[in-house]
Amino acid sequence: MAFVSRFLLLGGAAGLALAALVPWVTIRGLELRLGPVGAEVSPGGRTVNGTDTSLWPFLLGVAAVVVILALLNVARKVLLTVGLLVVAAGGALLYYLSNVVEIESSGSNAIEKLIADAVISSSVGPGAPLIIAGGIAIVAGAVLAS
């Protein structure tokens, strides 16, 4: 059981590290500033990768902590807490990326919102789902190690 637990923990950490590199969202249309993520989309469209945001060092740091704790075979409760926080953060990020056009145009009047909905489209990449999957793997690994 220890092998499976360690495999899940290391796999979850690898998923977090990979999520920092892959596309998170692709936006096509007019210029848009993605507030919490800290990236700008120029006219025509852009794919925002994890490295285009200010969150990628944090993802790599969490992945490194999980790897160290998994290899040392300590702090299972900490790993469980980290995994649950990663799942929650990934879910929040997925919600934001799924609704980025509506969220970023929410301060606008009704006409501007209508125009934004008509000329801007977005599609979520594999980044946020990978964060969630990594968090689930960390939780499962921590539970199996207990």
N, C-alpha and C. Protein backbone atom coordinates (compact mmCIF):
# COMPACT_ATOMS: atom_id res chain seq x y z
N MET A 1 0.82 -1.20 0.00
CA MET A 1 0.00 0.00 0.00
C MET A 1 0.86 1.26 0.00
N ALA A 2 2.05 1.19 0.59
CA ALA A 2 2.93 2.36 0.64
C ALA A 2 3.38 2.76 -0.75
N PHE A 3 3.61 1.78 -1.64
CA PHE A 3 4.01 2.07 -2.99
C PHE A 3 2.92 2.83 -3.74
N VAL A 4 1.69 2.37 -3.62
CA VAL A 4 0.56 3.02 -4.29
C VAL A 4 0.37 4.43 -3.76
N SER A 5 0.49 4.60 -2.45
CA SER A 5 0.36 5.92 -1.84
C SER A 5 1.42 6.87 -2.36
N ARG A 6 2.65 6.42 -2.36
CA ARG A 6 3.75 7.27 -2.84
C ARG A 6 3.59 7.56 -4.33
N PHE A 7 3.16 6.59 -5.10
CA PHE A 7 2.93 6.78 -6.53
C PHE A 7 1.86 7.85 -6.76
N LEU A 8 0.77 7.79 -6.01
CA LEU A 8 -0.30 8.79 -6.14
C LEU A 8 0.19 10.18 -5.74
N LEU A 9 0.94 10.26 -4.66
CA LEU A 9 1.46 11.55 -4.20
C LEU A 9 2.42 12.16 -5.23
N LEU A 10 3.33 11.36 -5.74
CA LEU A 10 4.27 11.86 -6.73
C LEU A 10 3.58 12.18 -8.05
N GLY A 11 2.59 11.38 -8.41
CA GLY A 11 1.81 11.66 -9.61
C GLY A 11 1.02 12.96 -9.48
N GLY A 12 0.44 13.19 -8.31
CA GLY A 12 -0.28 14.44 -8.06
C GLY A 12 0.65 15.64 -8.14
N ALA A 13 1.85 15.50 -7.58
CA ALA A 13 2.83 16.58 -7.65
C ALA A 13 3.25 16.84 -9.10
N ALA A 14 3.44 15.77 -9.86
CA ALA A 14 3.79 15.93 -11.27
C ALA A 14 2.67 16.61 -12.04
N GLY A 15 1.42 16.28 -11.69
CA GLY A 15 0.28 16.94 -12.33
C GLY A 15 0.26 18.43 -12.05
N LEU A 16 0.58 18.82 -10.82
CA LEU A 16 0.63 20.24 -10.49
C LEU A 16 1.73 20.95 -11.26
N ALA A 17 2.90 20.31 -11.34
CA ALA A 17 4.01 20.91 -12.08
C ALA A 17 3.67 21.03 -13.57
N LEU A 18 3.05 20.02 -14.13
CA LEU A 18 2.67 20.06 -15.53
C LEU A 18 1.59 21.12 -15.78
N ALA A 19 0.70 21.29 -14.83
CA ALA A 19 -0.36 22.29 -14.98
C ALA A 19 0.19 23.71 -15.09
N ALA A 20 1.37 23.93 -14.54
CA ALA A 20 1.99 25.25 -14.64
C ALA A 20 2.49 25.53 -16.05
N LEU A 21 2.58 24.51 -16.90
CA LEU A 21 3.14 24.66 -18.24
C LEU A 21 2.12 24.61 -19.36
N VAL A 22 1.00 23.95 -19.14
CA VAL A 22 0.03 23.72 -20.22
C VAL A 22 -0.95 24.89 -20.33
N PRO A 23 -1.70 24.97 -21.44
CA PRO A 23 -2.70 26.04 -21.61
C PRO A 23 -3.81 25.97 -20.56
N TRP A 24 -4.22 27.14 -20.10
CA TRP A 24 -5.32 27.23 -19.15
C TRP A 24 -6.60 27.68 -19.83
N VAL A 25 -6.48 28.65 -20.72
CA VAL A 25 -7.67 29.16 -21.40
C VAL A 25 -7.23 29.79 -22.73
N THR A 26 -8.09 29.67 -23.72
CA THR A 26 -7.89 30.34 -24.99
C THR A 26 -9.04 31.30 -25.19
N ILE A 27 -8.69 32.55 -25.46
CA ILE A 27 -9.71 33.58 -25.64
C ILE A 27 -9.54 34.17 -27.03
N ARG A 28 -10.66 34.27 -27.74
CA ARG A 28 -10.66 34.86 -29.07
C ARG A 28 -11.60 36.05 -29.08
N GLY A 29 -11.14 37.13 -29.67
CA GLY A 29 -11.99 38.31 -29.78
C GLY A 29 -11.23 39.58 -29.48
N LEU A 30 -11.88 40.49 -28.80
CA LEU A 30 -11.31 41.79 -28.48
C LEU A 30 -10.30 41.69 -27.35
N GLU A 31 -9.69 42.82 -27.01
CA GLU A 31 -8.72 42.87 -25.91
C GLU A 31 -9.43 42.66 -24.58
N LEU A 32 -8.79 41.92 -23.68
CA LEU A 32 -9.37 41.61 -22.38
C LEU A 32 -8.25 41.43 -21.38
N ARG A 33 -8.42 41.96 -20.16
CA ARG A 33 -7.45 41.77 -19.09
C ARG A 33 -8.04 40.79 -18.10
N LEU A 34 -7.30 39.70 -17.83
CA LEU A 34 -7.75 38.67 -16.90
C LEU A 34 -7.25 39.03 -15.52
N GLY A 35 -8.12 39.59 -14.70
CA GLY A 35 -7.75 40.14 -13.41
C GLY A 35 -6.98 39.22 -12.49
N PRO A 36 -7.61 38.24 -11.85
CA PRO A 36 -6.93 37.42 -10.85
C PRO A 36 -5.77 36.61 -11.41
N VAL A 37 -5.84 36.25 -12.67
CA VAL A 37 -4.80 35.43 -13.26
C VAL A 37 -3.60 36.29 -13.63
N GLY A 38 -3.81 37.56 -13.91
CA GLY A 38 -2.71 38.48 -14.19
C GLY A 38 -2.15 38.36 -15.59
N ALA A 39 -3.00 38.13 -16.58
CA ALA A 39 -2.55 38.05 -17.97
C ALA A 39 -3.44 38.94 -18.82
N GLU A 40 -2.91 39.37 -19.96
CA GLU A 40 -3.68 40.19 -20.88
C GLU A 40 -3.86 39.46 -22.19
N VAL A 41 -5.02 39.66 -22.81
CA VAL A 41 -5.33 39.06 -24.09
C VAL A 41 -5.38 40.18 -25.11
N SER A 42 -4.56 40.09 -26.15
CA SER A 42 -4.54 41.12 -27.17
C SER A 42 -5.63 40.86 -28.20
N PRO A 43 -5.96 41.86 -29.00
CA PRO A 43 -6.99 41.67 -30.02
C PRO A 43 -6.66 40.50 -30.93
N GLY A 44 -7.66 39.73 -31.28
CA GLY A 44 -7.48 38.57 -32.13
C GLY A 44 -7.52 37.27 -31.36
N GLY A 45 -6.94 37.24 -30.20
CA GLY A 45 -6.99 36.04 -29.38
C GLY A 45 -5.64 35.69 -28.78
N ARG A 46 -5.71 34.85 -27.77
CA ARG A 46 -4.49 34.43 -27.09
C ARG A 46 -4.79 33.18 -26.27
N THR A 47 -3.78 32.35 -26.18
CA THR A 47 -3.84 31.21 -25.28
C THR A 47 -3.01 31.56 -24.05
N VAL A 48 -3.63 31.45 -22.89
CA VAL A 48 -2.94 31.76 -21.64
C VAL A 48 -2.47 30.44 -21.03
N ASN A 49 -1.16 30.28 -20.96
CA ASN A 49 -0.56 29.11 -20.32
C ASN A 49 -0.33 29.41 -18.85
N GLY A 50 -0.05 28.39 -18.08
CA GLY A 50 0.24 28.59 -16.67
C GLY A 50 1.42 29.52 -16.44
N THR A 51 2.42 29.45 -17.32
CA THR A 51 3.61 30.30 -17.15
C THR A 51 3.34 31.76 -17.51
N ASP A 52 2.20 32.04 -18.13
CA ASP A 52 1.83 33.42 -18.44
C ASP A 52 1.19 34.11 -17.23
N THR A 53 0.95 33.37 -16.18
CA THR A 53 0.28 33.90 -15.00
C THR A 53 1.29 34.08 -13.88
N SER A 54 0.82 34.68 -12.81
CA SER A 54 1.67 34.84 -11.63
C SER A 54 1.53 33.65 -10.68
N LEU A 55 0.75 32.65 -11.05
CA LEU A 55 0.51 31.50 -10.17
C LEU A 55 1.48 30.34 -10.37
N TRP A 56 2.22 30.32 -11.47
CA TRP A 56 3.04 29.14 -11.75
C TRP A 56 4.13 28.89 -10.71
N PRO A 57 4.79 29.91 -10.13
CA PRO A 57 5.78 29.58 -9.09
C PRO A 57 5.14 28.92 -7.86
N PHE A 58 3.93 29.35 -7.55
CA PHE A 58 3.22 28.76 -6.41
C PHE A 58 2.91 27.30 -6.69
N LEU A 59 2.45 26.99 -7.91
CA LEU A 59 2.17 25.60 -8.26
C LEU A 59 3.41 24.73 -8.16
N LEU A 60 4.52 25.23 -8.67
CA LEU A 60 5.77 24.47 -8.59
C LEU A 60 6.24 24.31 -7.15
N GLY A 61 6.03 25.33 -6.33
CA GLY A 61 6.39 25.24 -4.91
C GLY A 61 5.57 24.20 -4.17
N VAL A 62 4.27 24.19 -4.41
CA VAL A 62 3.40 23.19 -3.77
C VAL A 62 3.80 21.79 -4.23
N ALA A 63 4.08 21.64 -5.53
CA ALA A 63 4.49 20.33 -6.05
C ALA A 63 5.80 19.88 -5.39
N ALA A 64 6.74 20.79 -5.20
CA ALA A 64 8.01 20.45 -4.56
C ALA A 64 7.80 20.02 -3.11
N VAL A 65 6.94 20.72 -2.39
CA VAL A 65 6.65 20.36 -1.00
C VAL A 65 6.02 18.97 -0.93
N VAL A 66 5.10 18.68 -1.83
CA VAL A 66 4.45 17.36 -1.85
C VAL A 66 5.48 16.27 -2.13
N VAL A 67 6.38 16.51 -3.08
CA VAL A 67 7.42 15.52 -3.40
C VAL A 67 8.30 15.26 -2.18
N ILE A 68 8.74 16.32 -1.53
CA ILE A 68 9.62 16.17 -0.37
C ILE A 68 8.92 15.40 0.75
N LEU A 69 7.68 15.78 1.05
CA LEU A 69 6.95 15.09 2.12
C LEU A 69 6.64 13.64 1.76
N ALA A 70 6.37 13.39 0.48
CA ALA A 70 6.09 12.01 0.06
C ALA A 70 7.34 11.15 0.15
N LEU A 71 8.47 11.70 -0.27
CA LEU A 71 9.71 10.92 -0.22
C LEU A 71 10.20 10.69 1.21
N LEU A 72 9.93 11.65 2.08
CA LEU A 72 10.31 11.49 3.49
C LEU A 72 9.30 10.64 4.26
N ASN A 73 8.14 10.40 3.63
CA ASN A 73 7.09 9.58 4.23
C ASN A 73 6.60 10.15 5.56
N VAL A 74 6.40 11.47 5.60
CA VAL A 74 5.94 12.15 6.81
C VAL A 74 4.77 13.07 6.49
N ALA A 75 4.16 13.58 7.53
CA ALA A 75 3.15 14.64 7.47
C ALA A 75 1.97 14.29 6.57
N ARG A 76 1.35 13.15 6.80
CA ARG A 76 0.20 12.73 5.98
C ARG A 76 -0.99 13.68 6.13
N LYS A 77 -1.19 14.21 7.33
CA LYS A 77 -2.30 15.15 7.52
C LYS A 77 -2.05 16.45 6.76
N VAL A 78 -0.80 16.86 6.72
CA VAL A 78 -0.45 18.06 5.94
C VAL A 78 -0.70 17.80 4.46
N LEU A 79 -0.30 16.63 3.97
CA LEU A 79 -0.54 16.28 2.57
C LEU A 79 -2.03 16.22 2.26
N LEU A 80 -2.81 15.69 3.17
CA LEU A 80 -4.26 15.64 2.98
C LEU A 80 -4.83 17.05 2.89
N THR A 81 -4.39 17.93 3.78
CA THR A 81 -4.86 19.32 3.76
C THR A 81 -4.43 20.02 2.48
N VAL A 82 -3.19 19.82 2.08
CA VAL A 82 -2.69 20.44 0.84
C VAL A 82 -3.51 19.94 -0.35
N GLY A 83 -3.76 18.64 -0.39
CA GLY A 83 -4.55 18.08 -1.49
C GLY A 83 -5.95 18.66 -1.56
N LEU A 84 -6.59 18.79 -0.42
CA LEU A 84 -7.94 19.37 -0.40
C LEU A 84 -7.92 20.84 -0.83
N LEU A 85 -6.90 21.58 -0.38
CA LEU A 85 -6.78 22.98 -0.80
C LEU A 85 -6.52 23.10 -2.30
N VAL A 86 -5.72 22.19 -2.84
CA VAL A 86 -5.44 22.21 -4.28
C VAL A 86 -6.71 21.91 -5.07
N VAL A 87 -7.51 20.95 -4.62
CA VAL A 87 -8.76 20.64 -5.30
C VAL A 87 -9.70 21.85 -5.28
N ALA A 88 -9.80 22.49 -4.12
CA ALA A 88 -10.68 23.67 -4.00
C ALA A 88 -10.18 24.82 -4.88
N ALA A 89 -8.87 25.06 -4.87
CA ALA A 89 -8.31 26.14 -5.69
C ALA A 89 -8.47 25.82 -7.18
N GLY A 90 -8.26 24.57 -7.55
CA GLY A 90 -8.44 24.16 -8.95
C GLY A 90 -9.89 24.31 -9.39
N GLY A 91 -10.82 23.99 -8.49
CA GLY A 91 -12.23 24.17 -8.81
C GLY A 91 -12.59 25.64 -9.00
N ALA A 92 -12.05 26.49 -8.13
CA ALA A 92 -12.29 27.93 -8.26
C ALA A 92 -11.70 28.46 -9.56
N LEU A 93 -10.49 28.00 -9.89
CA LEU A 93 -9.85 28.43 -11.13
C LEU A 93 -10.64 27.94 -12.35
N LEU A 94 -11.12 26.72 -12.31
CA LEU A 94 -11.92 26.19 -13.41
C LEU A 94 -13.20 27.00 -13.59
N TYR A 95 -13.85 27.35 -12.49
CA TYR A 95 -15.06 28.18 -12.57
C TYR A 95 -14.73 29.53 -13.20
N TYR A 96 -13.63 30.15 -12.75
CA TYR A 96 -13.24 31.45 -13.28
C TYR A 96 -12.95 31.36 -14.78
N LEU A 97 -12.15 30.37 -15.17
CA LEU A 97 -11.78 30.24 -16.58
C LEU A 97 -12.98 29.91 -17.45
N SER A 98 -13.93 29.15 -16.92
CA SER A 98 -15.13 28.82 -17.68
C SER A 98 -16.03 30.03 -17.90
N ASN A 99 -15.95 30.98 -17.01
CA ASN A 99 -16.82 32.16 -17.07
C ASN A 99 -16.04 33.46 -17.18
N VAL A 100 -14.84 33.42 -17.73
CA VAL A 100 -13.96 34.59 -17.71
C VAL A 100 -14.56 35.78 -18.44
N VAL A 101 -15.22 35.58 -19.55
CA VAL A 101 -15.79 36.70 -20.30
C VAL A 101 -16.89 37.36 -19.49
N GLU A 102 -17.77 36.57 -18.89
CA GLU A 102 -18.86 37.12 -18.10
C GLU A 102 -18.35 37.82 -16.85
N ILE A 103 -17.35 37.24 -16.20
CA ILE A 103 -16.82 37.82 -14.97
C ILE A 103 -16.11 39.13 -15.26
N GLU A 104 -15.27 39.15 -16.29
CA GLU A 104 -14.50 40.36 -16.59
C GLU A 104 -15.36 41.48 -17.17
N SER A 105 -16.51 41.15 -17.73
CA SER A 105 -17.39 42.19 -18.26
C SER A 105 -18.54 42.51 -17.30
N SER A 106 -18.47 42.01 -16.08
CA SER A 106 -19.57 42.20 -15.13
C SER A 106 -19.75 43.64 -14.69
N GLY A 107 -18.70 44.46 -14.71
CA GLY A 107 -18.82 45.85 -14.32
C GLY A 107 -19.35 46.74 -15.43
N SER A 108 -19.56 46.18 -16.58
CA SER A 108 -20.01 46.95 -17.74
C SER A 108 -21.52 47.10 -17.75
N ASN A 109 -21.99 48.01 -18.60
CA ASN A 109 -23.44 48.15 -18.73
C ASN A 109 -23.97 47.02 -19.61
N ALA A 110 -25.27 46.95 -19.75
CA ALA A 110 -25.91 45.84 -20.45
C ALA A 110 -25.48 45.75 -21.91
N ILE A 111 -25.31 46.87 -22.56
CA ILE A 111 -24.92 46.86 -23.97
C ILE A 111 -23.50 46.34 -24.13
N GLU A 112 -22.58 46.79 -23.27
CA GLU A 112 -21.20 46.32 -23.34
C GLU A 112 -21.12 44.82 -23.05
N LYS A 113 -21.92 44.32 -22.11
CA LYS A 113 -21.96 42.89 -21.82
C LYS A 113 -22.43 42.11 -23.03
N LEU A 114 -23.47 42.62 -23.68
CA LEU A 114 -24.01 41.97 -24.86
C LEU A 114 -22.98 41.91 -25.98
N ILE A 115 -22.26 43.02 -26.18
CA ILE A 115 -21.22 43.06 -27.20
C ILE A 115 -20.09 42.09 -26.84
N ALA A 116 -19.69 42.10 -25.57
CA ALA A 116 -18.61 41.19 -25.14
C ALA A 116 -19.00 39.74 -25.37
N ASP A 117 -20.24 39.37 -25.04
CA ASP A 117 -20.70 38.00 -25.26
C ASP A 117 -20.71 37.64 -26.74
N ALA A 118 -20.98 38.64 -27.59
CA ALA A 118 -21.06 38.38 -29.02
C ALA A 118 -19.70 38.28 -29.69
N VAL A 119 -18.70 39.04 -29.24
CA VAL A 119 -17.43 39.10 -29.97
C VAL A 119 -16.26 38.44 -29.25
N ILE A 120 -16.45 37.96 -28.03
CA ILE A 120 -15.38 37.30 -27.28
C ILE A 120 -15.83 35.90 -26.91
N SER A 121 -14.98 34.93 -27.20
CA SER A 121 -15.28 33.56 -26.80
C SER A 121 -14.07 32.98 -26.08
N SER A 122 -14.31 32.00 -25.25
CA SER A 122 -13.22 31.37 -24.52
C SER A 122 -13.43 29.87 -24.44
N SER A 123 -12.32 29.16 -24.32
CA SER A 123 -12.38 27.72 -24.11
C SER A 123 -11.31 27.35 -23.09
N VAL A 124 -11.68 26.50 -22.17
CA VAL A 124 -10.79 26.10 -21.08
C VAL A 124 -9.83 25.03 -21.58
N GLY A 125 -8.55 25.20 -21.25
CA GLY A 125 -7.53 24.21 -21.61
C GLY A 125 -7.38 23.18 -20.51
N PRO A 126 -6.37 22.34 -20.60
CA PRO A 126 -6.20 21.26 -19.62
C PRO A 126 -5.59 21.67 -18.29
N GLY A 127 -5.18 22.92 -18.12
CA GLY A 127 -4.49 23.35 -16.90
C GLY A 127 -5.30 23.18 -15.63
N ALA A 128 -6.47 23.79 -15.56
CA ALA A 128 -7.29 23.71 -14.34
C ALA A 128 -7.76 22.29 -14.04
N PRO A 129 -8.24 21.53 -15.03
CA PRO A 129 -8.60 20.14 -14.71
C PRO A 129 -7.40 19.31 -14.22
N LEU A 130 -6.21 19.63 -14.73
CA LEU A 130 -5.01 18.93 -14.27
C LEU A 130 -4.68 19.28 -12.82
N ILE A 131 -4.92 20.52 -12.43
CA ILE A 131 -4.73 20.91 -11.03
C ILE A 131 -5.68 20.13 -10.13
N ILE A 132 -6.93 20.03 -10.55
CA ILE A 132 -7.93 19.29 -9.76
C ILE A 132 -7.54 17.82 -9.67
N ALA A 133 -7.14 17.23 -10.79
CA ALA A 133 -6.75 15.81 -10.79
C ALA A 133 -5.52 15.59 -9.91
N GLY A 134 -4.57 16.51 -9.97
CA GLY A 134 -3.39 16.40 -9.10
C GLY A 134 -3.77 16.47 -7.64
N GLY A 135 -4.69 17.36 -7.30
CA GLY A 135 -5.15 17.47 -5.91
C GLY A 135 -5.86 16.21 -5.45
N ILE A 136 -6.68 15.63 -6.32
CA ILE A 136 -7.37 14.39 -5.98
C ILE A 136 -6.36 13.26 -5.76
N ALA A 137 -5.33 13.19 -6.60
CA ALA A 137 -4.30 12.18 -6.42
C ALA A 137 -3.55 12.37 -5.11
N ILE A 138 -3.29 13.61 -4.74
CA ILE A 138 -2.61 13.89 -3.46
C ILE A 138 -3.49 13.47 -2.29
N VAL A 139 -4.77 13.78 -2.36
CA VAL A 139 -5.71 13.38 -1.30
C VAL A 139 -5.76 11.86 -1.19
N ALA A 140 -5.89 11.19 -2.33
CA ALA A 140 -5.97 9.72 -2.32
C ALA A 140 -4.67 9.11 -1.77
N GLY A 141 -3.54 9.66 -2.17
CA GLY A 141 -2.26 9.16 -1.65
C GLY A 141 -2.12 9.37 -0.15
N ALA A 142 -2.58 10.51 0.33
CA ALA A 142 -2.50 10.79 1.77
C ALA A 142 -3.44 9.87 2.56
N VAL A 143 -4.62 9.61 2.02
CA VAL A 143 -5.58 8.74 2.69
C VAL A 143 -5.04 7.31 2.74
N LEU A 144 -4.47 6.84 1.63
CA LEU A 144 -3.94 5.47 1.60
C LEU A 144 -2.73 5.31 2.51
N ALA A 145 -2.01 6.38 2.75
CA ALA A 145 -0.82 6.29 3.60
C ALA A 145 -1.19 6.28 5.08
N SER A 146 -2.39 6.69 5.41
CA SER A 146 -2.79 6.78 6.83
C SER A 146 -3.02 5.42 7.44
